[in-house]
Amino acid sequence: MQRIITPEPLTKARFAPYGDVIETEGSDFFMINNGSTQRFHRLSEVMLGKPDDRAIISIFRAQKLTYPLPIKMLERHPLGSQAFIPLKQKPFLILVAEPGDQPDPETIRAFITNGHQGINYHTGVWHHPVLSCEAEDDFLIVDREGDGNNCDEHYFSDDSDMVLESGIPS
């Protein structure tokens, strides 16, 4: 039987088991630069697994996928966190499963951002690669660089019948 995964609106509380929501809405700030700038401080923390690891910044340019999307694989980063911040302020989708040796399909959840939210996956959280809702979308990525394999991939069996709805009204 097909399992249809429907995205729910992203909130800090819903996403807490998987990582942090990076947003200014509802976040504390303090004034800097002679009172001309609000600093929303420490919205998330970059997690690095080893002393010689470095936090790096990249840009991913993602293409829109076709929805409903068959879920064939998930990945995780066992040595550090990974943050996605949308540069075009457009909604994007997030698909996650609880940490473990391999993803448990029963724990898979989907979220949709409001376009002003980014996320930071905690170390070891299973997730789908970036899921754009736009023809082309750019994301600022903050993640780990260093020795060791920091990307495990898990492919579901061919008889897996999970699909992700887009969550975007047509």
C-alpha atoms as a PDB file:
ATOM      1  CA  MET A   1       0.000   0.000   0.000  1.00  0.00           C
ATOM      2  CA  GLN A   2       1.315   3.419  -0.934  1.00  0.00           C
ATOM      3  CA  ARG A   3       2.279   5.724   1.915  1.00  0.00           C
ATOM      4  CA  ILE A   4       1.692   9.363   1.038  1.00  0.00           C
ATOM      5  CA  ILE A   5       3.766  11.772   3.103  1.00  0.00           C
ATOM      6  CA  THR A   6       2.136  15.183   3.381  1.00  0.00           C
ATOM      7  CA  PRO A   7       4.256  18.151   4.493  1.00  0.00           C
ATOM      8  CA  GLU A   8       3.207  20.056   7.581  1.00  0.00           C
ATOM      9  CA  PRO A   9       4.155  23.681   8.263  1.00  0.00           C
ATOM     10  CA  LEU A  10       7.645  23.960   9.735  1.00  0.00           C
ATOM     11  CA  THR A  11       7.814  25.134  13.352  1.00  0.00           C
ATOM     12  CA  LYS A  12      10.630  25.097  15.898  1.00  0.00           C
ATOM     13  CA  ALA A  13       8.715  22.689  18.139  1.00  0.00           C
ATOM     14  CA  ARG A  14       7.893  20.197  15.371  1.00  0.00           C
ATOM     15  CA  PHE A  15      11.432  20.219  13.977  1.00  0.00           C
ATOM     16  CA  ALA A  16      13.277  20.117  17.341  1.00  0.00           C
ATOM     17  CA  PRO A  17      13.988  16.342  17.242  1.00  0.00           C
ATOM     18  CA  TYR A  18      15.799  16.798  13.908  1.00  0.00           C
ATOM     19  CA  GLY A  19      17.536  20.146  14.205  1.00  0.00           C
ATOM     20  CA  ASP A  20      16.996  23.865  14.448  1.00  0.00           C
ATOM     21  CA  VAL A  21      14.723  26.217  12.534  1.00  0.00           C
ATOM     22  CA  ILE A  22      16.675  29.312  11.532  1.00  0.00           C
ATOM     23  CA  GLU A  23      14.311  32.280  11.514  1.00  0.00           C
ATOM     24  CA  THR A  24      13.942  35.742  12.950  1.00  0.00           C
ATOM     25  CA  GLU A  25      10.216  35.405  13.718  1.00  0.00           C
ATOM     26  CA  GLY A  26       9.863  34.943  17.457  1.00  0.00           C
ATOM     27  CA  SER A  27      13.635  35.000  18.039  1.00  0.00           C
ATOM     28  CA  ASP A  28      15.428  37.246  20.509  1.00  0.00           C
ATOM     29  CA  PHE A  29      17.715  39.978  19.245  1.00  0.00           C
ATOM     30  CA  PHE A  30      19.849  42.819  20.502  1.00  0.00           C
ATOM     31  CA  MET A  31      20.861  46.060  18.871  1.00  0.00           C
ATOM     32  CA  ILE A  32      24.360  46.628  17.437  1.00  0.00           C
ATOM     33  CA  ASN A  33      26.079  49.170  15.177  1.00  0.00           C
ATOM     34  CA  ASN A  34      24.979  52.212  17.155  1.00  0.00           C
ATOM     35  CA  GLY A  35      21.376  51.016  17.210  1.00  0.00           C
ATOM     36  CA  SER A  36      20.975  50.617  13.447  1.00  0.00           C
ATOM     37  CA  THR A  37      21.016  46.803  13.285  1.00  0.00           C
ATOM     38  CA  GLN A  38      19.113  44.000  15.012  1.00  0.00           C
ATOM     39  CA  ARG A  39      21.331  40.973  15.694  1.00  0.00           C
ATOM     40  CA  PHE A  40      19.431  37.696  15.962  1.00  0.00           C
ATOM     41  CA  HIS A  41      22.231  35.896  17.762  1.00  0.00           C
ATOM     42  CA  ARG A  42      23.013  32.173  17.789  1.00  0.00           C
ATOM     43  CA  LEU A  43      19.945  30.956  15.920  1.00  0.00           C
ATOM     44  CA  SER A  44      21.697  27.612  15.551  1.00  0.00           C
ATOM     45  CA  GLU A  45      25.050  26.036  16.269  1.00  0.00           C
ATOM     46  CA  VAL A  46      27.399  24.480  13.713  1.00  0.00           C
ATOM     47  CA  MET A  47      28.269  21.007  14.990  1.00  0.00           C
ATOM     48  CA  LEU A  48      31.725  19.670  14.153  1.00  0.00           C
ATOM     49  CA  GLY A  49      32.695  16.122  15.043  1.00  0.00           C
ATOM     50  CA  LYS A  50      36.488  16.379  15.217  1.00  0.00           C
ATOM     51  CA  PRO A  51      38.963  18.982  16.538  1.00  0.00           C
ATOM     52  CA  ASP A  52      40.470  19.636  13.078  1.00  0.00           C
ATOM     53  CA  ASP A  53      37.088  20.043  11.335  1.00  0.00           C
ATOM     54  CA  ARG A  54      36.175  23.393   9.795  1.00  0.00           C
ATOM     55  CA  ALA A  55      32.825  25.036   9.215  1.00  0.00           C
ATOM     56  CA  ILE A  56      32.457  25.967   5.548  1.00  0.00           C
ATOM     57  CA  ILE A  57      29.914  27.987   3.565  1.00  0.00           C
ATOM     58  CA  SER A  58      28.716  26.861   0.131  1.00  0.00           C
ATOM     59  CA  ILE A  59      25.842  27.607  -2.240  1.00  0.00           C
ATOM     60  CA  PHE A  60      23.688  24.797  -3.620  1.00  0.00           C
ATOM     61  CA  ARG A  61      21.649  25.521  -6.754  1.00  0.00           C
ATOM     62  CA  ALA A  62      18.740  23.082  -6.699  1.00  0.00           C
ATOM     63  CA  GLN A  63      16.283  22.187  -9.434  1.00  0.00           C
ATOM     64  CA  LYS A  64      12.609  21.523  -8.792  1.00  0.00           C
ATOM     65  CA  LEU A  65      11.710  17.868  -8.664  1.00  0.00           C
ATOM     66  CA  THR A  66       8.456  16.333  -9.875  1.00  0.00           C
ATOM     67  CA  TYR A  67       5.810  15.781  -7.206  1.00  0.00           C
ATOM     68  CA  PRO A  68       4.461  13.530  -5.903  1.00  0.00           C
ATOM     69  CA  LEU A  69       8.070  12.358  -5.462  1.00  0.00           C
ATOM     70  CA  PRO A  70       8.892   8.687  -4.846  1.00  0.00           C
ATOM     71  CA  ILE A  71      11.146   8.456  -1.783  1.00  0.00           C
ATOM     72  CA  LYS A  72      14.030   6.187  -2.773  1.00  0.00           C
ATOM     73  CA  MET A  73      16.787   7.290  -0.399  1.00  0.00           C
ATOM     74  CA  LEU A  74      17.814   9.357   2.601  1.00  0.00           C
ATOM     75  CA  GLU A  75      21.229  10.554   3.741  1.00  0.00           C
ATOM     76  CA  ARG A  76      22.819  11.628   7.014  1.00  0.00           C
ATOM     77  CA  HIS A  77      25.963  13.435   8.123  1.00  0.00           C
ATOM     78  CA  PRO A  78      27.503  11.515  11.051  1.00  0.00           C
ATOM     79  CA  LEU A  79      30.340  13.990  11.688  1.00  0.00           C
ATOM     80  CA  GLY A  80      28.592  17.356  11.670  1.00  0.00           C
ATOM     81  CA  SER A  81      25.471  19.420  11.204  1.00  0.00           C
ATOM     82  CA  GLN A  82      24.268  20.826   7.874  1.00  0.00           C
ATOM     83  CA  ALA A  83      22.300  24.056   7.460  1.00  0.00           C
ATOM     84  CA  PHE A  84      20.153  25.175   4.506  1.00  0.00           C
ATOM     85  CA  ILE A  85      19.170  28.840   4.229  1.00  0.00           C
ATOM     86  CA  PRO A  86      17.067  29.833   1.190  1.00  0.00           C
ATOM     87  CA  LEU A  87      18.563  32.821  -0.631  1.00  0.00           C
ATOM     88  CA  LYS A  88      15.461  33.591  -2.724  1.00  0.00           C
ATOM     89  CA  GLN A  89      13.105  33.413   0.279  1.00  0.00           C
ATOM     90  CA  LYS A  90      10.879  30.808  -1.340  1.00  0.00           C
ATOM     91  CA  PRO A  91       9.337  27.810   0.443  1.00  0.00           C
ATOM     92  CA  PHE A  92      11.165  24.500   0.247  1.00  0.00           C
ATOM     93  CA  LEU A  93      10.447  20.996   1.487  1.00  0.00           C
ATOM     94  CA  ILE A  94      12.194  19.002   4.190  1.00  0.00           C
ATOM     95  CA  LEU A  95      11.972  15.233   4.634  1.00  0.00           C
ATOM     96  CA  VAL A  96      13.495  13.701   7.776  1.00  0.00           C
ATOM     97  CA  ALA A  97      13.673  10.506   9.802  1.00  0.00           C
ATOM     98  CA  GLU A  98      14.951   9.932  13.310  1.00  0.00           C
ATOM     99  CA  PRO A  99      18.655   9.158  13.814  1.00  0.00           C
ATOM    100  CA  GLY A 100      19.697   5.512  13.953  1.00  0.00           C
ATOM    101  CA  ASP A 101      21.794   2.941  12.104  1.00  0.00           C
ATOM    102  CA  GLN A 102      19.374   3.240   9.201  1.00  0.00           C
ATOM    103  CA  PRO A 103      16.240   5.314   8.647  1.00  0.00           C
ATOM    104  CA  ASP A 104      12.986   3.900   9.959  1.00  0.00           C
ATOM    105  CA  PRO A 105      10.307   4.589   7.320  1.00  0.00           C
ATOM    106  CA  GLU A 106       7.699   4.817  10.091  1.00  0.00           C
ATOM    107  CA  THR A 107       9.432   7.897  11.537  1.00  0.00           C
ATOM    108  CA  ILE A 108       9.621   9.843   8.260  1.00  0.00           C
ATOM    109  CA  ARG A 109       8.061  13.304   8.432  1.00  0.00           C
ATOM    110  CA  ALA A 110       7.864  16.136   5.938  1.00  0.00           C
ATOM    111  CA  PHE A 111       7.784  19.886   6.490  1.00  0.00           C
ATOM    112  CA  ILE A 112       7.348  22.929   4.299  1.00  0.00           C
ATOM    113  CA  THR A 113       9.006  26.229   5.136  1.00  0.00           C
ATOM    114  CA  ASN A 114       7.366  29.626   4.816  1.00  0.00           C
ATOM    115  CA  GLY A 115      10.211  30.921   2.633  1.00  0.00           C
ATOM    116  CA  HIS A 116      11.795  32.920   5.453  1.00  0.00           C
ATOM    117  CA  GLN A 117      13.002  29.896   7.395  1.00  0.00           C
ATOM    118  CA  GLY A 118      16.200  27.925   7.106  1.00  0.00           C
ATOM    119  CA  ILE A 119      17.084  24.735   8.926  1.00  0.00           C
ATOM    120  CA  ASN A 120      20.124  23.112  10.497  1.00  0.00           C
ATOM    121  CA  TYR A 121      20.059  19.309  10.633  1.00  0.00           C
ATOM    122  CA  HIS A 122      21.595  17.908  13.799  1.00  0.00           C
ATOM    123  CA  THR A 123      24.434  15.426  13.414  1.00  0.00           C
ATOM    124  CA  GLY A 124      23.182  12.002  12.304  1.00  0.00           C
ATOM    125  CA  VAL A 125      19.637  13.003  11.309  1.00  0.00           C
ATOM    126  CA  TRP A 126      18.423  11.169   8.220  1.00  0.00           C
ATOM    127  CA  HIS A 127      17.110  13.540   5.545  1.00  0.00           C
ATOM    128  CA  HIS A 128      16.395  13.760   1.854  1.00  0.00           C
ATOM    129  CA  PRO A 129      18.748  15.878  -0.268  1.00  0.00           C
ATOM    130  CA  VAL A 130      17.519  19.433  -0.845  1.00  0.00           C
ATOM    131  CA  LEU A 131      13.908  19.599  -2.085  1.00  0.00           C
ATOM    132  CA  SER A 132      13.233  22.775  -4.042  1.00  0.00           C
ATOM    133  CA  CYS A 133       9.729  23.934  -4.907  1.00  0.00           C
ATOM    134  CA  GLU A 134      11.052  26.385  -7.527  1.00  0.00           C
ATOM    135  CA  ALA A 135      12.367  25.834 -11.064  1.00  0.00           C
ATOM    136  CA  GLU A 136      15.773  26.854  -9.713  1.00  0.00           C
ATOM    137  CA  ASP A 137      16.564  27.781  -6.133  1.00  0.00           C
ATOM    138  CA  ASP A 138      19.750  28.796  -4.330  1.00  0.00           C
ATOM    139  CA  PHE A 139      20.599  27.816  -0.759  1.00  0.00           C
ATOM    140  CA  LEU A 140      23.384  29.000   1.504  1.00  0.00           C
ATOM    141  CA  ILE A 141      24.856  25.872   3.099  1.00  0.00           C
ATOM    142  CA  VAL A 142      26.868  25.764   6.313  1.00  0.00           C
ATOM    143  CA  ASP A 143      28.435  22.399   7.010  1.00  0.00           C
ATOM    144  CA  ARG A 144      31.567  20.512   7.946  1.00  0.00           C
ATOM    145  CA  GLU A 145      34.790  19.930   6.056  1.00  0.00           C
ATOM    146  CA  GLY A 146      37.429  17.565   7.388  1.00  0.00           C
ATOM    147  CA  ASP A 147      38.780  14.030   7.388  1.00  0.00           C
ATOM    148  CA  GLY A 148      36.397  11.107   7.371  1.00  0.00           C
ATOM    149  CA  ASN A 149      33.231  10.241   5.487  1.00  0.00           C
ATOM    150  CA  ASN A 150      30.477  12.663   6.457  1.00  0.00           C
ATOM    151  CA  CYS A 151      27.718  11.395   4.185  1.00  0.00           C
ATOM    152  CA  ASP A 152      25.984   8.052   4.623  1.00  0.00           C
ATOM    153  CA  GLU A 153      23.284   7.155   2.099  1.00  0.00           C
ATOM    154  CA  HIS A 154      20.503   4.642   2.614  1.00  0.00           C
ATOM    155  CA  TYR A 155      18.483   3.341  -0.349  1.00  0.00           C
ATOM    156  CA  PHE A 156      15.081   1.833   0.348  1.00  0.00           C
ATOM    157  CA  SER A 157      14.087  -1.467  -1.251  1.00  0.00           C
ATOM    158  CA  ASP A 158      12.549  -1.405  -4.713  1.00  0.00           C
ATOM    159  CA  ASP A 159       9.164  -2.360  -3.266  1.00  0.00           C
ATOM    160  CA  SER A 160       9.126   0.712  -1.023  1.00  0.00           C
ATOM    161  CA  ASP A 161       6.082   2.754  -1.965  1.00  0.00           C
ATOM    162  CA  MET A 162       6.525   6.071  -0.138  1.00  0.00           C
ATOM    163  CA  VAL A 163       5.781   9.317  -1.968  1.00  0.00           C
ATOM    164  CA  LEU A 164       6.112  12.938  -0.912  1.00  0.00           C
ATOM    165  CA  GLU A 165       3.400  15.428  -1.841  1.00  0.00           C
ATOM    166  CA  SER A 166       4.587  18.926  -2.734  1.00  0.00           C
ATOM    167  CA  GLY A 167       2.567  20.796  -0.124  1.00  0.00           C
ATOM    168  CA  ILE A 168       2.414  23.788  -2.487  1.00  0.00           C
ATOM    169  CA  PRO A 169      -1.131  24.779  -3.494  1.00  0.00           C
ATOM    170  CA  SER A 170      -1.581  24.500  -7.268  1.00  0.00           C
END
